[in-house]
């Protein structure tokens, strides 16, 4: 973990959550962001990618090495936060997750990190239902030029962007975790009530 930073993407519009900031939603007696930061505590550098209007005064960062970076490119989705997070990382690689996946655990993160090798641009998980989740994995600084080029060309779909990079996949089939549950995104009030 000394060679990998952590990035939490928080800058979404939260339209399906009635425009309520998802990182402030409560889960397990903490808000989502505090819970995720606790799970990332072994990383020496934690970066929060935020839009220009977000305020984090309600978050208790304790003694954690948290750095907030504001979007350079606004309102273009996760690709903007990802680009800015990688750009501002002190390390060659960055572990990426989102603020609306409160079920992730330190053990699951360590399991994914165990597949890290320096011979890829992107490490992503292939979920049990056979789709790739581009917002949970590891990205190298080798992605920066491609990400910037796609942003400038207005190609914002991350799943399309990474197809042109060297990808390493980790299958979530037959693993000692319930990957689908751990990576569950909470996007609506109904989904929040269920957890």
C-alpha atoms as a PDB file:
ATOM      1  CA  UNK A   1       0.000   0.000   0.000  1.00  0.00           C
ATOM      2  CA  UNK A   2       3.005   2.285   0.223  1.00  0.00           C
ATOM      3  CA  UNK A   3       3.134   2.264  -3.579  1.00  0.00           C
ATOM      4  CA  UNK A   4      -0.594   2.773  -4.180  1.00  0.00           C
ATOM      5  CA  UNK A   5      -2.782   5.734  -3.236  1.00  0.00           C
ATOM      6  CA  UNK A   6      -6.537   5.503  -2.677  1.00  0.00           C
ATOM      7  CA  UNK A   7      -9.140   7.596  -4.493  1.00  0.00           C
ATOM      8  CA  UNK A   8     -12.785   8.076  -3.546  1.00  0.00           C
ATOM      9  CA  UNK A   9     -14.999   9.574  -6.253  1.00  0.00           C
ATOM     10  CA  UNK A  10     -17.647  11.840  -4.691  1.00  0.00           C
ATOM     11  CA  UNK A  11     -18.532  14.428  -7.317  1.00  0.00           C
ATOM     12  CA  UNK A  12     -21.740  13.010  -8.793  1.00  0.00           C
ATOM     13  CA  UNK A  13     -25.019  14.914  -9.065  1.00  0.00           C
ATOM     14  CA  UNK A  14     -27.017  12.329  -7.009  1.00  0.00           C
ATOM     15  CA  UNK A  15     -30.126  13.008  -9.096  1.00  0.00           C
ATOM     16  CA  UNK A  16     -31.677   9.609  -8.262  1.00  0.00           C
ATOM     17  CA  UNK A  17     -31.077  10.342  -4.555  1.00  0.00           C
ATOM     18  CA  UNK A  18     -33.103  13.572  -4.830  1.00  0.00           C
ATOM     19  CA  UNK A  19     -29.832  15.544  -5.159  1.00  0.00           C
ATOM     20  CA  UNK A  20     -28.748  14.639  -1.637  1.00  0.00           C
ATOM     21  CA  UNK A  21     -24.969  14.179  -1.377  1.00  0.00           C
ATOM     22  CA  UNK A  22     -24.539  10.416  -1.156  1.00  0.00           C
ATOM     23  CA  UNK A  23     -21.289  10.621   0.774  1.00  0.00           C
ATOM     24  CA  UNK A  24     -23.279  12.104   3.696  1.00  0.00           C
ATOM     25  CA  UNK A  25     -25.851   9.294   3.836  1.00  0.00           C
ATOM     26  CA  UNK A  26     -25.781   7.321   7.084  1.00  0.00           C
ATOM     27  CA  UNK A  27     -24.769   3.683   7.315  1.00  0.00           C
ATOM     28  CA  UNK A  28     -23.445   1.705  10.282  1.00  0.00           C
ATOM     29  CA  UNK A  29     -23.566   4.819  12.543  1.00  0.00           C
ATOM     30  CA  UNK A  30     -21.323   6.794  10.172  1.00  0.00           C
ATOM     31  CA  UNK A  31     -21.837   8.573   6.920  1.00  0.00           C
ATOM     32  CA  UNK A  32     -20.773   6.753   3.767  1.00  0.00           C
ATOM     33  CA  UNK A  33     -17.548   8.728   3.330  1.00  0.00           C
ATOM     34  CA  UNK A  34     -16.346   8.184   6.900  1.00  0.00           C
ATOM     35  CA  UNK A  35     -17.087   4.459   6.610  1.00  0.00           C
ATOM     36  CA  UNK A  36     -15.149   4.150   3.350  1.00  0.00           C
ATOM     37  CA  UNK A  37     -12.217   6.187   4.692  1.00  0.00           C
ATOM     38  CA  UNK A  38     -12.069   3.832   7.680  1.00  0.00           C
ATOM     39  CA  UNK A  39     -11.839   0.869   5.297  1.00  0.00           C
ATOM     40  CA  UNK A  40      -9.007   2.637   3.423  1.00  0.00           C
ATOM     41  CA  UNK A  41      -7.027   3.561   6.538  1.00  0.00           C
ATOM     42  CA  UNK A  42      -4.014   1.413   5.588  1.00  0.00           C
ATOM     43  CA  UNK A  43      -3.281   3.608   2.570  1.00  0.00           C
ATOM     44  CA  UNK A  44      -0.764   6.350   3.291  1.00  0.00           C
ATOM     45  CA  UNK A  45      -2.548   8.725   0.911  1.00  0.00           C
ATOM     46  CA  UNK A  46      -6.323   9.005   0.475  1.00  0.00           C
ATOM     47  CA  UNK A  47      -7.595  11.382  -2.200  1.00  0.00           C
ATOM     48  CA  UNK A  48     -11.182  12.594  -2.450  1.00  0.00           C
ATOM     49  CA  UNK A  49     -12.228  13.754  -5.909  1.00  0.00           C
ATOM     50  CA  UNK A  50     -14.883  16.424  -5.446  1.00  0.00           C
ATOM     51  CA  UNK A  51     -16.809  18.897  -7.520  1.00  0.00           C
ATOM     52  CA  UNK A  52     -16.414  22.619  -6.968  1.00  0.00           C
ATOM     53  CA  UNK A  53     -19.422  23.075  -4.671  1.00  0.00           C
ATOM     54  CA  UNK A  54     -19.033  20.158  -2.285  1.00  0.00           C
ATOM     55  CA  UNK A  55     -18.305  20.912   1.358  1.00  0.00           C
ATOM     56  CA  UNK A  56     -16.744  18.397   3.699  1.00  0.00           C
ATOM     57  CA  UNK A  57     -17.103  20.247   7.010  1.00  0.00           C
ATOM     58  CA  UNK A  58     -19.451  17.514   8.293  1.00  0.00           C
ATOM     59  CA  UNK A  59     -16.825  14.796   7.775  1.00  0.00           C
ATOM     60  CA  UNK A  60     -14.486  13.689  10.534  1.00  0.00           C
ATOM     61  CA  UNK A  61     -11.164  13.003   8.836  1.00  0.00           C
ATOM     62  CA  UNK A  62      -9.492  12.326  12.215  1.00  0.00           C
ATOM     63  CA  UNK A  63      -5.742  11.876  11.738  1.00  0.00           C
ATOM     64  CA  UNK A  64      -6.007  10.367   8.280  1.00  0.00           C
ATOM     65  CA  UNK A  65      -3.891  11.599   5.394  1.00  0.00           C
ATOM     66  CA  UNK A  66      -6.810  12.848   3.285  1.00  0.00           C
ATOM     67  CA  UNK A  67      -6.375  15.214   0.368  1.00  0.00           C
ATOM     68  CA  UNK A  68      -9.340  16.810  -1.433  1.00  0.00           C
ATOM     69  CA  UNK A  69      -8.901  17.625  -5.121  1.00  0.00           C
ATOM     70  CA  UNK A  70     -11.480  19.669  -6.996  1.00  0.00           C
ATOM     71  CA  UNK A  71     -12.620  18.798 -10.518  1.00  0.00           C
ATOM     72  CA  UNK A  72     -10.650  20.376 -13.333  1.00  0.00           C
ATOM     73  CA  UNK A  73     -13.304  19.222 -15.802  1.00  0.00           C
ATOM     74  CA  UNK A  74     -16.789  19.643 -14.367  1.00  0.00           C
ATOM     75  CA  UNK A  75     -20.046  17.791 -15.047  1.00  0.00           C
ATOM     76  CA  UNK A  76     -18.545  15.056 -17.210  1.00  0.00           C
ATOM     77  CA  UNK A  77     -19.070  12.132 -14.846  1.00  0.00           C
ATOM     78  CA  UNK A  78     -16.551   9.872 -13.107  1.00  0.00           C
ATOM     79  CA  UNK A  79     -13.886  10.222 -15.795  1.00  0.00           C
ATOM     80  CA  UNK A  80     -13.179  13.781 -14.631  1.00  0.00           C
ATOM     81  CA  UNK A  81     -12.692  12.809 -10.991  1.00  0.00           C
ATOM     82  CA  UNK A  82     -10.617   9.802 -11.975  1.00  0.00           C
ATOM     83  CA  UNK A  83      -8.335  11.887 -14.184  1.00  0.00           C
ATOM     84  CA  UNK A  84      -7.841  14.525 -11.494  1.00  0.00           C
ATOM     85  CA  UNK A  85      -7.271  11.930  -8.772  1.00  0.00           C
ATOM     86  CA  UNK A  86      -4.595  10.094 -10.756  1.00  0.00           C
ATOM     87  CA  UNK A  87      -2.995  13.403 -11.724  1.00  0.00           C
ATOM     88  CA  UNK A  88      -2.716  14.434  -8.064  1.00  0.00           C
ATOM     89  CA  UNK A  89      -1.590  11.070  -6.732  1.00  0.00           C
ATOM     90  CA  UNK A  90       1.873  10.807  -5.199  1.00  0.00           C
ATOM     91  CA  UNK A  91       2.123   7.216  -6.404  1.00  0.00           C
ATOM     92  CA  UNK A  92       2.294   5.489  -9.773  1.00  0.00           C
ATOM     93  CA  UNK A  93      -0.914   3.557  -9.047  1.00  0.00           C
ATOM     94  CA  UNK A  94      -4.181   4.481  -7.417  1.00  0.00           C
ATOM     95  CA  UNK A  95      -6.931   2.287  -6.000  1.00  0.00           C
ATOM     96  CA  UNK A  96     -10.338   3.687  -6.975  1.00  0.00           C
ATOM     97  CA  UNK A  97     -13.747   3.362  -5.376  1.00  0.00           C
ATOM     98  CA  UNK A  98     -16.888   5.460  -5.145  1.00  0.00           C
ATOM     99  CA  UNK A  99     -18.609   7.190  -2.246  1.00  0.00           C
ATOM    100  CA  UNK A 100     -21.832   5.251  -2.840  1.00  0.00           C
ATOM    101  CA  UNK A 101     -20.407   1.756  -2.173  1.00  0.00           C
ATOM    102  CA  UNK A 102     -20.513   1.640   1.641  1.00  0.00           C
ATOM    103  CA  UNK A 103     -20.284  -2.164   1.857  1.00  0.00           C
ATOM    104  CA  UNK A 104     -16.652  -2.417   0.765  1.00  0.00           C
ATOM    105  CA  UNK A 105     -14.340  -3.811   3.425  1.00  0.00           C
ATOM    106  CA  UNK A 106     -10.640  -3.679   4.155  1.00  0.00           C
ATOM    107  CA  UNK A 107     -10.365  -7.446   3.599  1.00  0.00           C
ATOM    108  CA  UNK A 108     -12.003  -7.218   0.185  1.00  0.00           C
ATOM    109  CA  UNK A 109      -9.800  -4.276  -0.807  1.00  0.00           C
ATOM    110  CA  UNK A 110      -6.692  -6.226   0.265  1.00  0.00           C
ATOM    111  CA  UNK A 111      -7.877  -9.198  -1.773  1.00  0.00           C
ATOM    112  CA  UNK A 112      -8.151  -7.033  -4.901  1.00  0.00           C
ATOM    113  CA  UNK A 113      -4.777  -5.406  -4.178  1.00  0.00           C
ATOM    114  CA  UNK A 114      -3.173  -8.854  -4.031  1.00  0.00           C
ATOM    115  CA  UNK A 115      -3.585  -9.024  -7.845  1.00  0.00           C
ATOM    116  CA  UNK A 116      -1.564  -5.841  -8.384  1.00  0.00           C
ATOM    117  CA  UNK A 117       1.405  -6.153 -10.713  1.00  0.00           C
ATOM    118  CA  UNK A 118       3.168  -3.347 -12.614  1.00  0.00           C
ATOM    119  CA  UNK A 119       2.324  -4.683 -16.087  1.00  0.00           C
ATOM    120  CA  UNK A 120      -1.095  -3.122 -16.775  1.00  0.00           C
ATOM    121  CA  UNK A 121      -2.764   0.270 -17.076  1.00  0.00           C
ATOM    122  CA  UNK A 122      -6.023  -0.710 -15.356  1.00  0.00           C
ATOM    123  CA  UNK A 123      -7.037  -3.523 -13.015  1.00  0.00           C
ATOM    124  CA  UNK A 124     -10.803  -3.978 -12.913  1.00  0.00           C
ATOM    125  CA  UNK A 125     -13.183  -6.494 -11.425  1.00  0.00           C
ATOM    126  CA  UNK A 126     -15.487  -8.605 -13.573  1.00  0.00           C
ATOM    127  CA  UNK A 127     -18.627  -9.116 -11.550  1.00  0.00           C
ATOM    128  CA  UNK A 128     -20.523 -12.381 -11.271  1.00  0.00           C
ATOM    129  CA  UNK A 129     -23.088 -11.170 -13.790  1.00  0.00           C
ATOM    130  CA  UNK A 130     -20.216 -10.749 -16.270  1.00  0.00           C
ATOM    131  CA  UNK A 131     -19.991  -6.972 -16.426  1.00  0.00           C
ATOM    132  CA  UNK A 132     -16.848  -4.969 -15.726  1.00  0.00           C
ATOM    133  CA  UNK A 133     -16.971  -2.385 -12.949  1.00  0.00           C
ATOM    134  CA  UNK A 134     -14.584   0.426 -14.004  1.00  0.00           C
ATOM    135  CA  UNK A 135     -15.119   2.354 -10.760  1.00  0.00           C
ATOM    136  CA  UNK A 136     -13.560  -0.222  -8.461  1.00  0.00           C
ATOM    137  CA  UNK A 137      -9.998  -1.199  -9.218  1.00  0.00           C
ATOM    138  CA  UNK A 138      -6.489   0.101  -9.762  1.00  0.00           C
ATOM    139  CA  UNK A 139      -5.353   2.666 -12.343  1.00  0.00           C
ATOM    140  CA  UNK A 140      -1.817   3.626 -13.292  1.00  0.00           C
ATOM    141  CA  UNK A 141      -0.522   7.032 -14.262  1.00  0.00           C
ATOM    142  CA  UNK A 142      -0.014   5.449 -17.687  1.00  0.00           C
ATOM    143  CA  UNK A 143      -3.777   6.105 -18.176  1.00  0.00           C
ATOM    144  CA  UNK A 144      -3.500   9.875 -17.914  1.00  0.00           C
ATOM    145  CA  UNK A 145      -2.860  10.697 -21.578  1.00  0.00           C
ATOM    146  CA  UNK A 146      -5.686   8.452 -22.756  1.00  0.00           C
ATOM    147  CA  UNK A 147      -8.106   9.856 -20.165  1.00  0.00           C
ATOM    148  CA  UNK A 148      -7.235  13.437 -21.094  1.00  0.00           C
ATOM    149  CA  UNK A 149      -7.562  12.705 -24.811  1.00  0.00           C
ATOM    150  CA  UNK A 150     -11.010  11.161 -24.300  1.00  0.00           C
ATOM    151  CA  UNK A 151     -12.134  14.095 -22.143  1.00  0.00           C
ATOM    152  CA  UNK A 152     -11.029  16.535 -24.831  1.00  0.00           C
ATOM    153  CA  UNK A 153     -12.864  14.438 -27.454  1.00  0.00           C
ATOM    154  CA  UNK A 154     -15.969  14.410 -25.210  1.00  0.00           C
ATOM    155  CA  UNK A 155     -15.843  10.601 -24.868  1.00  0.00           C
ATOM    156  CA  UNK A 156     -16.848  10.325 -21.215  1.00  0.00           C
ATOM    157  CA  UNK A 157     -17.948   6.679 -20.927  1.00  0.00           C
ATOM    158  CA  UNK A 158     -15.235   5.109 -18.825  1.00  0.00           C
ATOM    159  CA  UNK A 159     -16.019   1.573 -19.922  1.00  0.00           C
ATOM    160  CA  UNK A 160     -15.275   2.631 -23.516  1.00  0.00           C
ATOM    161  CA  UNK A 161     -12.129   4.515 -22.546  1.00  0.00           C
ATOM    162  CA  UNK A 162     -10.483   1.597 -20.774  1.00  0.00           C
ATOM    163  CA  UNK A 163     -11.056  -0.746 -23.705  1.00  0.00           C
ATOM    164  CA  UNK A 164      -8.089   0.958 -25.348  1.00  0.00           C
ATOM    165  CA  UNK A 165      -5.792   0.407 -22.362  1.00  0.00           C
ATOM    166  CA  UNK A 166      -3.937  -2.645 -21.095  1.00  0.00           C
ATOM    167  CA  UNK A 167      -6.466  -4.235 -18.736  1.00  0.00           C
ATOM    168  CA  UNK A 168      -6.046  -6.859 -16.067  1.00  0.00           C
ATOM    169  CA  UNK A 169      -9.301  -8.449 -14.897  1.00  0.00           C
ATOM    170  CA  UNK A 170     -10.112 -10.014 -11.546  1.00  0.00           C
ATOM    171  CA  UNK A 171     -13.151 -12.280 -11.698  1.00  0.00           C
ATOM    172  CA  UNK A 172     -15.511 -12.198  -8.743  1.00  0.00           C
ATOM    173  CA  UNK A 173     -16.751 -15.716  -9.463  1.00  0.00           C
ATOM    174  CA  UNK A 174     -15.806 -18.325  -6.877  1.00  0.00           C
ATOM    175  CA  UNK A 175     -14.117 -15.906  -4.492  1.00  0.00           C
ATOM    176  CA  UNK A 176     -14.330 -15.941  -0.670  1.00  0.00           C
ATOM    177  CA  UNK A 177     -16.502 -12.780  -0.683  1.00  0.00           C
ATOM    178  CA  UNK A 178     -19.953 -11.766  -1.872  1.00  0.00           C
ATOM    179  CA  UNK A 179     -18.578  -9.387  -4.474  1.00  0.00           C
ATOM    180  CA  UNK A 180     -21.967  -8.292  -5.763  1.00  0.00           C
ATOM    181  CA  UNK A 181     -23.064  -7.228  -2.285  1.00  0.00           C
ATOM    182  CA  UNK A 182     -19.743  -5.558  -1.428  1.00  0.00           C
ATOM    183  CA  UNK A 183     -19.803  -3.489  -4.614  1.00  0.00           C
ATOM    184  CA  UNK A 184     -23.466  -2.559  -4.354  1.00  0.00           C
ATOM    185  CA  UNK A 185     -23.991   1.084  -5.363  1.00  0.00           C
ATOM    186  CA  UNK A 186     -26.629   2.979  -3.415  1.00  0.00           C
ATOM    187  CA  UNK A 187     -28.314   5.299  -5.901  1.00  0.00           C
ATOM    188  CA  UNK A 188     -31.910   5.728  -4.714  1.00  0.00           C
ATOM    189  CA  UNK A 189     -33.770   6.208  -1.398  1.00  0.00           C
ATOM    190  CA  UNK A 190     -35.276   2.752  -1.874  1.00  0.00           C
ATOM    191  CA  UNK A 191     -31.819   1.134  -2.186  1.00  0.00           C
ATOM    192  CA  UNK A 192     -30.717   3.014   0.927  1.00  0.00           C
ATOM    193  CA  UNK A 193     -33.685   1.679   2.883  1.00  0.00           C
ATOM    194  CA  UNK A 194     -32.823  -1.873   1.858  1.00  0.00           C
ATOM    195  CA  UNK A 195     -29.373  -1.705   3.437  1.00  0.00           C
END
